[in-house]
PDB file of all heavy atoms in Angstrom:
ATOM      1  N   PHE A   1      44.796 -31.501  -4.409  1.00  0.00           N
ATOM      2  CA  PHE A   1      45.427 -31.882  -5.668  1.00  0.00           C
ATOM      3  C   PHE A   1      45.798 -30.646  -6.493  1.00  0.00           C
ATOM      4  O   PHE A   1      46.910 -30.533  -7.008  1.00  0.00           O
ATOM      5  CB  PHE A   1      44.475 -32.781  -6.449  1.00  0.00           C
ATOM      6  CG  PHE A   1      45.045 -33.291  -7.733  1.00  0.00           C
ATOM      7  CD1 PHE A   1      45.914 -34.370  -7.748  1.00  0.00           C
ATOM      8  CD2 PHE A   1      44.734 -32.685  -8.948  1.00  0.00           C
ATOM      9  CE1 PHE A   1      46.459 -34.834  -8.925  1.00  0.00           C
ATOM     10  CE2 PHE A   1      45.269 -33.148 -10.127  1.00  0.00           C
ATOM     11  CZ  PHE A   1      46.134 -34.224 -10.123  1.00  0.00           C
ATOM     12  N   ARG A   2      44.853 -29.707  -6.600  1.00  0.00           N
ATOM     13  CA  ARG A   2      45.135 -28.500  -7.386  1.00  0.00           C
ATOM     14  C   ARG A   2      46.149 -27.595  -6.683  1.00  0.00           C
ATOM     15  O   ARG A   2      46.905 -26.881  -7.353  1.00  0.00           O
ATOM     16  CB  ARG A   2      43.837 -27.761  -7.682  1.00  0.00           C
ATOM     17  CG  ARG A   2      43.002 -28.455  -8.748  1.00  0.00           C
ATOM     18  CD  ARG A   2      41.975 -27.537  -9.348  1.00  0.00           C
ATOM     19  NE  ARG A   2      41.466 -28.096 -10.599  1.00  0.00           N
ATOM     20  CZ  ARG A   2      40.659 -27.441 -11.430  1.00  0.00           C
ATOM     21  NH1 ARG A   2      40.268 -26.215 -11.135  1.00  0.00           N
ATOM     22  NH2 ARG A   2      40.241 -28.002 -12.551  1.00  0.00           N
ATOM     23  N   LEU A   3      46.151 -27.627  -5.376  1.00  0.00           N
ATOM     24  CA  LEU A   3      47.197 -26.900  -4.655  1.00  0.00           C
ATOM     25  C   LEU A   3      48.555 -27.480  -5.017  1.00  0.00           C
ATOM     26  O   LEU A   3      49.519 -26.735  -5.288  1.00  0.00           O
ATOM     27  CB  LEU A   3      46.960 -26.990  -3.144  1.00  0.00           C
ATOM     28  CG  LEU A   3      48.057 -26.402  -2.252  1.00  0.00           C
ATOM     29  CD1 LEU A   3      48.274 -24.923  -2.559  1.00  0.00           C
ATOM     30  CD2 LEU A   3      47.706 -26.608  -0.774  1.00  0.00           C
ATOM     31  N   GLY A   4      48.657 -28.794  -5.052  1.00  0.00           N
ATOM     32  CA  GLY A   4      49.911 -29.436  -5.435  1.00  0.00           C
ATOM     33  C   GLY A   4      50.351 -29.045  -6.837  1.00  0.00           C
ATOM     34  O   GLY A   4      51.532 -28.736  -7.066  1.00  0.00           O
ATOM     35  N   MET A   5      49.421 -29.049  -7.787  1.00  0.00           N
ATOM     36  CA  MET A   5      49.763 -28.687  -9.159  1.00  0.00           C
ATOM     37  C   MET A   5      50.220 -27.235  -9.253  1.00  0.00           C
ATOM     38  O   MET A   5      51.159 -26.903  -9.989  1.00  0.00           O
ATOM     39  CB  MET A   5      48.569 -28.922 -10.079  1.00  0.00           C
ATOM     40  CG  MET A   5      48.245 -30.379 -10.325  1.00  0.00           C
ATOM     41  SD  MET A   5      47.012 -30.613 -11.629  1.00  0.00           S
ATOM     42  CE  MET A   5      47.948 -30.126 -13.076  1.00  0.00           C
ATOM     43  N   SER A   6      49.547 -26.350  -8.514  1.00  0.00           N
ATOM     44  CA  SER A   6      49.914 -24.928  -8.533  1.00  0.00           C
ATOM     45  C   SER A   6      51.304 -24.726  -7.944  1.00  0.00           C
ATOM     46  O   SER A   6      52.137 -23.988  -8.502  1.00  0.00           O
ATOM     47  CB  SER A   6      48.878 -24.107  -7.752  1.00  0.00           C
ATOM     48  OG  SER A   6      47.584 -24.252  -8.320  1.00  0.00           O
ATOM     49  N   LEU A   7      51.570 -25.371  -6.824  1.00  0.00           N
ATOM     50  CA  LEU A   7      52.885 -25.252  -6.194  1.00  0.00           C
ATOM     51  C   LEU A   7      53.988 -25.833  -7.077  1.00  0.00           C
ATOM     52  O   LEU A   7      55.082 -25.261  -7.180  1.00  0.00           O
ATOM     53  CB  LEU A   7      52.872 -25.956  -4.830  1.00  0.00           C
ATOM     54  CG  LEU A   7      52.005 -25.300  -3.752  1.00  0.00           C
ATOM     55  CD1 LEU A   7      51.831 -26.237  -2.569  1.00  0.00           C
ATOM     56  CD2 LEU A   7      52.630 -23.971  -3.315  1.00  0.00           C
ATOM     57  N   HIS A   8      53.703 -26.965  -7.712  1.00  0.00           N
ATOM     58  CA  HIS A   8      54.699 -27.556  -8.615  1.00  0.00           C
ATOM     59  C   HIS A   8      55.009 -26.600  -9.758  1.00  0.00           C
ATOM     60  O   HIS A   8      56.174 -26.434 -10.142  1.00  0.00           O
ATOM     61  CB  HIS A   8      54.168 -28.881  -9.156  1.00  0.00           C
ATOM     62  CG  HIS A   8      55.153 -29.591 -10.028  1.00  0.00           C
ATOM     63  ND1 HIS A   8      55.875 -30.692  -9.605  1.00  0.00           N
ATOM     64  CD2 HIS A   8      55.552 -29.364 -11.312  1.00  0.00           C
ATOM     65  CE1 HIS A   8      56.672 -31.100 -10.578  1.00  0.00           C
ATOM     66  NE2 HIS A   8      56.475 -30.303 -11.635  1.00  0.00           N
ATOM     67  N   SER A   9      53.985 -25.975 -10.307  1.00  0.00           N
ATOM     68  CA  SER A   9      54.184 -25.046 -11.424  1.00  0.00           C
ATOM     69  C   SER A   9      54.982 -23.824 -11.012  1.00  0.00           C
ATOM     70  O   SER A   9      55.590 -23.164 -11.858  1.00  0.00           O
ATOM     71  CB  SER A   9      52.819 -24.616 -11.990  1.00  0.00           C
ATOM     72  OG  SER A   9      52.111 -25.733 -12.488  1.00  0.00           O
ATOM     73  N   LEU A  10      54.990 -23.532  -9.710  1.00  0.00           N
ATOM     74  CA  LEU A  10      55.794 -22.420  -9.184  1.00  0.00           C
ATOM     75  C   LEU A  10      57.214 -22.864  -8.832  1.00  0.00           C
ATOM     76  O   LEU A  10      58.029 -22.042  -8.418  1.00  0.00           O
ATOM     77  CB  LEU A  10      55.124 -21.844  -7.935  1.00  0.00           C
ATOM     78  CG  LEU A  10      53.807 -21.090  -8.154  1.00  0.00           C
ATOM     79  CD1 LEU A  10      53.112 -20.844  -6.821  1.00  0.00           C
ATOM     80  CD2 LEU A  10      54.069 -19.770  -8.887  1.00  0.00           C
ATOM     81  N   GLY A  11      57.494 -24.178  -8.970  1.00  0.00           N
ATOM     82  CA  GLY A  11      58.810 -24.688  -8.616  1.00  0.00           C
ATOM     83  C   GLY A  11      58.971 -24.949  -7.134  1.00  0.00           C
ATOM     84  O   GLY A  11      60.092 -25.208  -6.670  1.00  0.00           O
ATOM     85  N   ARG A  12      57.881 -24.934  -6.393  1.00  0.00           N
ATOM     86  CA  ARG A  12      57.919 -25.191  -4.949  1.00  0.00           C
ATOM     87  C   ARG A  12      57.617 -26.674  -4.728  1.00  0.00           C
ATOM     88  O   ARG A  12      56.562 -27.066  -4.233  1.00  0.00           O
ATOM     89  CB  ARG A  12      56.930 -24.274  -4.239  1.00  0.00           C
ATOM     90  CG  ARG A  12      57.344 -22.807  -4.320  1.00  0.00           C
ATOM     91  CD  ARG A  12      56.190 -21.840  -4.152  1.00  0.00           C
ATOM     92  NE  ARG A  12      55.514 -21.955  -2.863  1.00  0.00           N
ATOM     93  CZ  ARG A  12      54.469 -21.206  -2.503  1.00  0.00           C
ATOM     94  NH1 ARG A  12      54.014 -20.265  -3.344  1.00  0.00           N
ATOM     95  NH2 ARG A  12      53.895 -21.379  -1.325  1.00  0.00           N
ATOM     96  N   TYR A  13      58.572 -27.490  -5.104  1.00  0.00           N
ATOM     97  CA  TYR A  13      58.324 -28.931  -5.223  1.00  0.00           C
ATOM     98  C   TYR A  13      58.095 -29.620  -3.887  1.00  0.00           C
ATOM     99  O   TYR A  13      57.242 -30.510  -3.785  1.00  0.00           O
ATOM    100  CB  TYR A  13      59.478 -29.591  -5.979  1.00  0.00           C
ATOM    101  CG  TYR A  13      59.723 -28.969  -7.333  1.00  0.00           C
ATOM    102  CD1 TYR A  13      60.953 -28.390  -7.651  1.00  0.00           C
ATOM    103  CD2 TYR A  13      58.714 -28.935  -8.290  1.00  0.00           C
ATOM    104  CE1 TYR A  13      61.172 -27.804  -8.877  1.00  0.00           C
ATOM    105  CE2 TYR A  13      58.931 -28.346  -9.534  1.00  0.00           C
ATOM    106  CZ  TYR A  13      60.161 -27.776  -9.820  1.00  0.00           C
ATOM    107  OH  TYR A  13      60.370 -27.189 -11.043  1.00  0.00           O
ATOM    108  N   SER A  14      58.846 -29.253  -2.861  1.00  0.00           N
ATOM    109  CA  SER A  14      58.666 -29.919  -1.568  1.00  0.00           C
ATOM    110  C   SER A  14      57.279 -29.634  -1.006  1.00  0.00           C
ATOM    111  O   SER A  14      56.645 -30.510  -0.393  1.00  0.00           O
ATOM    112  CB  SER A  14      59.751 -29.479  -0.577  1.00  0.00           C
ATOM    113  OG  SER A  14      59.690 -28.085  -0.347  1.00  0.00           O
ATOM    114  N   GLN A  15      56.784 -28.419  -1.207  1.00  0.00           N
ATOM    115  CA  GLN A  15      55.438 -28.077  -0.751  1.00  0.00           C
ATOM    116  C   GLN A  15      54.388 -28.800  -1.602  1.00  0.00           C
ATOM    117  O   GLN A  15      53.339 -29.208  -1.095  1.00  0.00           O
ATOM    118  CB  GLN A  15      55.226 -26.563  -0.813  1.00  0.00           C
ATOM    119  CG  GLN A  15      56.058 -25.787   0.201  1.00  0.00           C
ATOM    120  CD  GLN A  15      55.929 -24.298  -0.004  1.00  0.00           C
ATOM    121  OE1 GLN A  15      56.510 -23.729  -0.932  1.00  0.00           O
ATOM    122  NE2 GLN A  15      55.166 -23.650   0.853  1.00  0.00           N
ATOM    123  N   ALA A  16      54.673 -28.949  -2.895  1.00  0.00           N
ATOM    124  CA  ALA A  16      53.767 -29.686  -3.772  1.00  0.00           C
ATOM    125  C   ALA A  16      53.661 -31.143  -3.309  1.00  0.00           C
ATOM    126  O   ALA A  16      52.565 -31.719  -3.294  1.00  0.00           O
ATOM    127  CB  ALA A  16      54.257 -29.622  -5.218  1.00  0.00           C
ATOM    128  N   VAL A  17      54.784 -31.726  -2.939  1.00  0.00           N
ATOM    129  CA  VAL A  17      54.794 -33.101  -2.442  1.00  0.00           C
ATOM    130  C   VAL A  17      53.876 -33.237  -1.234  1.00  0.00           C
ATOM    131  O   VAL A  17      53.069 -34.179  -1.139  1.00  0.00           O
ATOM    132  CB  VAL A  17      56.233 -33.526  -2.071  1.00  0.00           C
ATOM    133  CG1 VAL A  17      56.220 -34.762  -1.174  1.00  0.00           C
ATOM    134  CG2 VAL A  17      57.041 -33.807  -3.329  1.00  0.00           C
ATOM    135  N   GLU A  18      53.969 -32.304  -0.316  1.00  0.00           N
ATOM    136  CA  GLU A  18      53.134 -32.357   0.887  1.00  0.00           C
ATOM    137  C   GLU A  18      51.653 -32.280   0.531  1.00  0.00           C
ATOM    138  O   GLU A  18      50.826 -33.017   1.085  1.00  0.00           O
ATOM    139  CB  GLU A  18      53.510 -31.201   1.820  1.00  0.00           C
ATOM    140  CG  GLU A  18      52.751 -31.215   3.140  1.00  0.00           C
ATOM    141  CD  GLU A  18      53.168 -30.075   4.055  1.00  0.00           C
ATOM    142  OE1 GLU A  18      54.146 -29.376   3.722  1.00  0.00           O
ATOM    143  OE2 GLU A  18      52.507 -29.898   5.095  1.00  0.00           O
ATOM    144  N   ALA A  19      51.312 -31.400  -0.414  1.00  0.00           N
ATOM    145  CA  ALA A  19      49.912 -31.260  -0.819  1.00  0.00           C
ATOM    146  C   ALA A  19      49.411 -32.527  -1.505  1.00  0.00           C
ATOM    147  O   ALA A  19      48.304 -33.007  -1.215  1.00  0.00           O
ATOM    148  CB  ALA A  19      49.766 -30.058  -1.751  1.00  0.00           C
ATOM    149  N   TYR A  20      50.206 -33.070  -2.412  1.00  0.00           N
ATOM    150  CA  TYR A  20      49.805 -34.309  -3.091  1.00  0.00           C
ATOM    151  C   TYR A  20      49.592 -35.449  -2.100  1.00  0.00           C
ATOM    152  O   TYR A  20      48.634 -36.221  -2.205  1.00  0.00           O
ATOM    153  CB  TYR A  20      50.866 -34.716  -4.107  1.00  0.00           C
ATOM    154  CG  TYR A  20      50.888 -33.892  -5.365  1.00  0.00           C
ATOM    155  CD1 TYR A  20      52.102 -33.485  -5.925  1.00  0.00           C
ATOM    156  CD2 TYR A  20      49.724 -33.530  -6.019  1.00  0.00           C
ATOM    157  CE1 TYR A  20      52.149 -32.735  -7.080  1.00  0.00           C
ATOM    158  CE2 TYR A  20      49.756 -32.770  -7.185  1.00  0.00           C
ATOM    159  CZ  TYR A  20      50.975 -32.377  -7.707  1.00  0.00           C
ATOM    160  OH  TYR A  20      51.016 -31.639  -8.865  1.00  0.00           O
ATOM    161  N   GLN A  21      50.507 -35.570  -1.137  1.00  0.00           N
ATOM    162  CA  GLN A  21      50.410 -36.661  -0.173  1.00  0.00           C
ATOM    163  C   GLN A  21      49.135 -36.557   0.659  1.00  0.00           C
ATOM    164  O   GLN A  21      48.477 -37.557   0.937  1.00  0.00           O
ATOM    165  CB  GLN A  21      51.640 -36.673   0.728  1.00  0.00           C
ATOM    166  CG  GLN A  21      52.895 -37.150   0.024  1.00  0.00           C
ATOM    167  CD  GLN A  21      54.126 -37.072   0.899  1.00  0.00           C
ATOM    168  OE1 GLN A  21      54.197 -36.247   1.820  1.00  0.00           O
ATOM    169  NE2 GLN A  21      55.113 -37.901   0.617  1.00  0.00           N
ATOM    170  N   LYS A  22      48.761 -35.338   1.036  1.00  0.00           N
ATOM    171  CA  LYS A  22      47.522 -35.158   1.790  1.00  0.00           C
ATOM    172  C   LYS A  22      46.310 -35.488   0.920  1.00  0.00           C
ATOM    173  O   LYS A  22      45.341 -36.081   1.384  1.00  0.00           O
ATOM    174  CB  LYS A  22      47.444 -33.734   2.332  1.00  0.00           C
ATOM    175  CG  LYS A  22      48.456 -33.474   3.454  1.00  0.00           C
ATOM    176  CD  LYS A  22      48.332 -32.066   4.009  1.00  0.00           C
ATOM    177  CE  LYS A  22      49.319 -31.868   5.173  1.00  0.00           C
ATOM    178  NZ  LYS A  22      49.247 -30.505   5.742  1.00  0.00           N
ATOM    179  N   GLY A  23      46.391 -35.084  -0.342  1.00  0.00           N
ATOM    180  CA  GLY A  23      45.298 -35.397  -1.248  1.00  0.00           C
ATOM    181  C   GLY A  23      45.160 -36.885  -1.503  1.00  0.00           C
ATOM    182  O   GLY A  23      44.049 -37.409  -1.600  1.00  0.00           O
ATOM    183  N   LEU A  24      46.276 -37.583  -1.591  1.00  0.00           N
ATOM    184  CA  LEU A  24      46.257 -39.018  -1.858  1.00  0.00           C
ATOM    185  C   LEU A  24      45.677 -39.813  -0.691  1.00  0.00           C
ATOM    186  O   LEU A  24      45.116 -40.893  -0.899  1.00  0.00           O
ATOM    187  CB  LEU A  24      47.673 -39.509  -2.179  1.00  0.00           C
ATOM    188  CG  LEU A  24      48.157 -39.204  -3.601  1.00  0.00           C
ATOM    189  CD1 LEU A  24      49.655 -39.435  -3.721  1.00  0.00           C
ATOM    190  CD2 LEU A  24      47.401 -40.058  -4.609  1.00  0.00           C
ATOM    191  N   LYS A  25      45.798 -39.295   0.505  1.00  0.00           N
ATOM    192  CA  LYS A  25      45.193 -39.972   1.650  1.00  0.00           C
ATOM    193  C   LYS A  25      43.672 -39.922   1.559  1.00  0.00           C
ATOM    194  O   LYS A  25      42.982 -40.789   2.095  1.00  0.00           O
ATOM    195  CB  LYS A  25      45.668 -39.329   2.957  1.00  0.00           C
ATOM    196  CG  LYS A  25      47.128 -39.600   3.276  1.00  0.00           C
ATOM    197  CD  LYS A  25      47.538 -38.931   4.583  1.00  0.00           C
ATOM    198  CE  LYS A  25      49.007 -39.201   4.899  1.00  0.00           C
ATOM    199  NZ  LYS A  25      49.441 -38.532   6.155  1.00  0.00           N
ATOM    200  N   ILE A  26      43.168 -38.912   0.867  1.00  0.00           N
ATOM    201  CA  ILE A  26      41.721 -38.752   0.710  1.00  0.00           C
ATOM    202  C   ILE A  26      41.231 -39.479  -0.538  1.00  0.00           C
ATOM    203  O   ILE A  26      40.201 -40.160  -0.502  1.00  0.00           O
ATOM    204  CB  ILE A  26      41.366 -37.246   0.621  1.00  0.00           C
ATOM    205  CG1 ILE A  26      41.826 -36.527   1.873  1.00  0.00           C
ATOM    206  CG2 ILE A  26      39.863 -37.058   0.385  1.00  0.00           C
ATOM    207  CD1 ILE A  26      41.859 -35.020   1.742  1.00  0.00           C
ATOM    208  N   ASN A  27      41.981 -39.341  -1.616  1.00  0.00           N
ATOM    209  CA  ASN A  27      41.573 -39.940  -2.888  1.00  0.00           C
ATOM    210  C   ASN A  27      42.814 -40.453  -3.619  1.00  0.00           C
ATOM    211  O   ASN A  27      43.484 -39.705  -4.316  1.00  0.00           O
ATOM    212  CB  ASN A  27      40.847 -38.899  -3.757  1.00  0.00           C
ATOM    213  CG  ASN A  27      40.238 -39.509  -5.000  1.00  0.00           C
ATOM    214  OD1 ASN A  27      40.488 -40.661  -5.337  1.00  0.00           O
ATOM    215  ND2 ASN A  27      39.427 -38.727  -5.698  1.00  0.00           N
ATOM    216  N   PRO A  28      43.158 -41.744  -3.466  1.00  0.00           N
ATOM    217  CA  PRO A  28      44.387 -42.301  -4.068  1.00  0.00           C
ATOM    218  C   PRO A  28      44.229 -42.547  -5.563  1.00  0.00           C
ATOM    219  O   PRO A  28      44.058 -43.674  -6.003  1.00  0.00           O
ATOM    220  CB  PRO A  28      44.577 -43.606  -3.295  1.00  0.00           C
ATOM    221  CG  PRO A  28      43.196 -44.017  -2.909  1.00  0.00           C
ATOM    222  CD  PRO A  28      42.441 -42.737  -2.642  1.00  0.00           C
ATOM    223  N   ASN A  29      44.303 -41.479  -6.359  1.00  0.00           N
ATOM    224  CA  ASN A  29      44.138 -41.613  -7.798  1.00  0.00           C
ATOM    225  C   ASN A  29      45.480 -41.618  -8.514  1.00  0.00           C
ATOM    226  O   ASN A  29      46.457 -41.031  -8.034  1.00  0.00           O
ATOM    227  CB  ASN A  29      43.258 -40.475  -8.339  1.00  0.00           C
ATOM    228  CG  ASN A  29      43.957 -39.131  -8.239  1.00  0.00           C
ATOM    229  OD1 ASN A  29      44.727 -38.758  -9.103  1.00  0.00           O
ATOM    230  ND2 ASN A  29      43.700 -38.391  -7.166  1.00  0.00           N
ATOM    231  N   PRO A  30      45.571 -42.283  -9.665  1.00  0.00           N
ATOM    232  CA  PRO A  30      46.860 -42.449 -10.357  1.00  0.00           C
ATOM    233  C   PRO A  30      47.470 -41.163 -10.873  1.00  0.00           C
ATOM    234  O   PRO A  30      48.690 -41.039 -10.933  1.00  0.00           O
ATOM    235  CB  PRO A  30      46.523 -43.417 -11.496  1.00  0.00           C
ATOM    236  CG  PRO A  30      45.044 -43.331 -11.673  1.00  0.00           C
ATOM    237  CD  PRO A  30      44.486 -43.046 -10.322  1.00  0.00           C
ATOM    238  N   GLN A  31      46.640 -40.180 -11.254  1.00  0.00           N
ATOM    239  CA  GLN A  31      47.203 -38.928 -11.761  1.00  0.00           C
ATOM    240  C   GLN A  31      47.957 -38.181 -10.667  1.00  0.00           C
ATOM    241  O   GLN A  31      49.041 -37.645 -10.907  1.00  0.00           O
ATOM    242  CB  GLN A  31      46.097 -38.041 -12.327  1.00  0.00           C
ATOM    243  CG  GLN A  31      46.594 -36.713 -12.890  1.00  0.00           C
ATOM    244  CD  GLN A  31      47.512 -36.876 -14.081  1.00  0.00           C
ATOM    245  OE1 GLN A  31      47.163 -37.592 -15.017  1.00  0.00           O
ATOM    246  NE2 GLN A  31      48.652 -36.225 -14.067  1.00  0.00           N
ATOM    247  N   ALA A  32      47.401 -38.167  -9.475  1.00  0.00           N
ATOM    248  CA  ALA A  32      48.089 -37.517  -8.366  1.00  0.00           C
ATOM    249  C   ALA A  32      49.387 -38.248  -8.032  1.00  0.00           C
ATOM    250  O   ALA A  32      50.397 -37.630  -7.695  1.00  0.00           O
ATOM    251  CB  ALA A  32      47.171 -37.452  -7.148  1.00  0.00           C
ATOM    252  N   MET A  33      49.357 -39.577  -8.131  1.00  0.00           N
ATOM    253  CA  MET A  33      50.571 -40.364  -7.899  1.00  0.00           C
ATOM    254  C   MET A  33      51.648 -39.994  -8.908  1.00  0.00           C
ATOM    255  O   MET A  33      52.830 -39.844  -8.560  1.00  0.00           O
ATOM    256  CB  MET A  33      50.256 -41.850  -7.997  1.00  0.00           C
ATOM    257  CG  MET A  33      49.317 -42.368  -6.933  1.00  0.00           C
ATOM    258  SD  MET A  33      48.891 -44.108  -7.219  1.00  0.00           S
ATOM    259  CE  MET A  33      47.649 -44.364  -5.956  1.00  0.00           C
ATOM    260  N   TYR A  34      51.240 -39.850 -10.160  1.00  0.00           N
ATOM    261  CA  TYR A  34      52.193 -39.483 -11.206  1.00  0.00           C
ATOM    262  C   TYR A  34      52.789 -38.098 -10.941  1.00  0.00           C
ATOM    263  O   TYR A  34      53.999 -37.895 -11.039  1.00  0.00           O
ATOM    264  CB  TYR A  34      51.505 -39.515 -12.567  1.00  0.00           C
ATOM    265  CG  TYR A  34      52.402 -39.071 -13.697  1.00  0.00           C
ATOM    266  CD1 TYR A  34      53.309 -39.954 -14.282  1.00  0.00           C
ATOM    267  CD2 TYR A  34      52.381 -37.759 -14.156  1.00  0.00           C
ATOM    268  CE1 TYR A  34      54.160 -39.550 -15.304  1.00  0.00           C
ATOM    269  CE2 TYR A  34      53.217 -37.345 -15.182  1.00  0.00           C
ATOM    270  CZ  TYR A  34      54.104 -38.237 -15.754  1.00  0.00           C
ATOM    271  OH  TYR A  34      54.947 -37.833 -16.756  1.00  0.00           O
ATOM    272  N   ASN A  35      51.914 -37.133 -10.607  1.00  0.00           N
ATOM    273  CA  ASN A  35      52.415 -35.788 -10.360  1.00  0.00           C
ATOM    274  C   ASN A  35      53.316 -35.734  -9.132  1.00  0.00           C
ATOM    275  O   ASN A  35      54.275 -34.959  -9.083  1.00  0.00           O
ATOM    276  CB  ASN A  35      51.239 -34.824 -10.201  1.00  0.00           C
ATOM    277  CG  ASN A  35      50.675 -34.398 -11.545  1.00  0.00           C
ATOM    278  OD1 ASN A  35      51.032 -34.958 -12.585  1.00  0.00           O
ATOM    279  ND2 ASN A  35      49.788 -33.429 -11.526  1.00  0.00           N
ATOM    280  N   LEU A  36      53.024 -36.573  -8.151  1.00  0.00           N
ATOM    281  CA  LEU A  36      53.910 -36.665  -6.986  1.00  0.00           C
ATOM    282  C   LEU A  36      55.280 -37.170  -7.413  1.00  0.00           C
ATOM    283  O   LEU A  36      56.322 -36.658  -6.961  1.00  0.00           O
ATOM    284  CB  LEU A  36      53.293 -37.586  -5.937  1.00  0.00           C
ATOM    285  CG  LEU A  36      54.102 -37.846  -4.672  1.00  0.00           C
ATOM    286  CD1 LEU A  36      54.464 -36.540  -3.963  1.00  0.00           C
ATOM    287  CD2 LEU A  36      53.329 -38.758  -3.725  1.00  0.00           C
TER     288      LEU A  36
END
């Protein structure tokens, strides 16, 4: 999840999407869904 947030803040959105999706498979929380 934090990898996704860091990548998003760098403007690396496609990589952030991949990180969020992997995190959501482990813990499907609404904040991660929103950031995705």
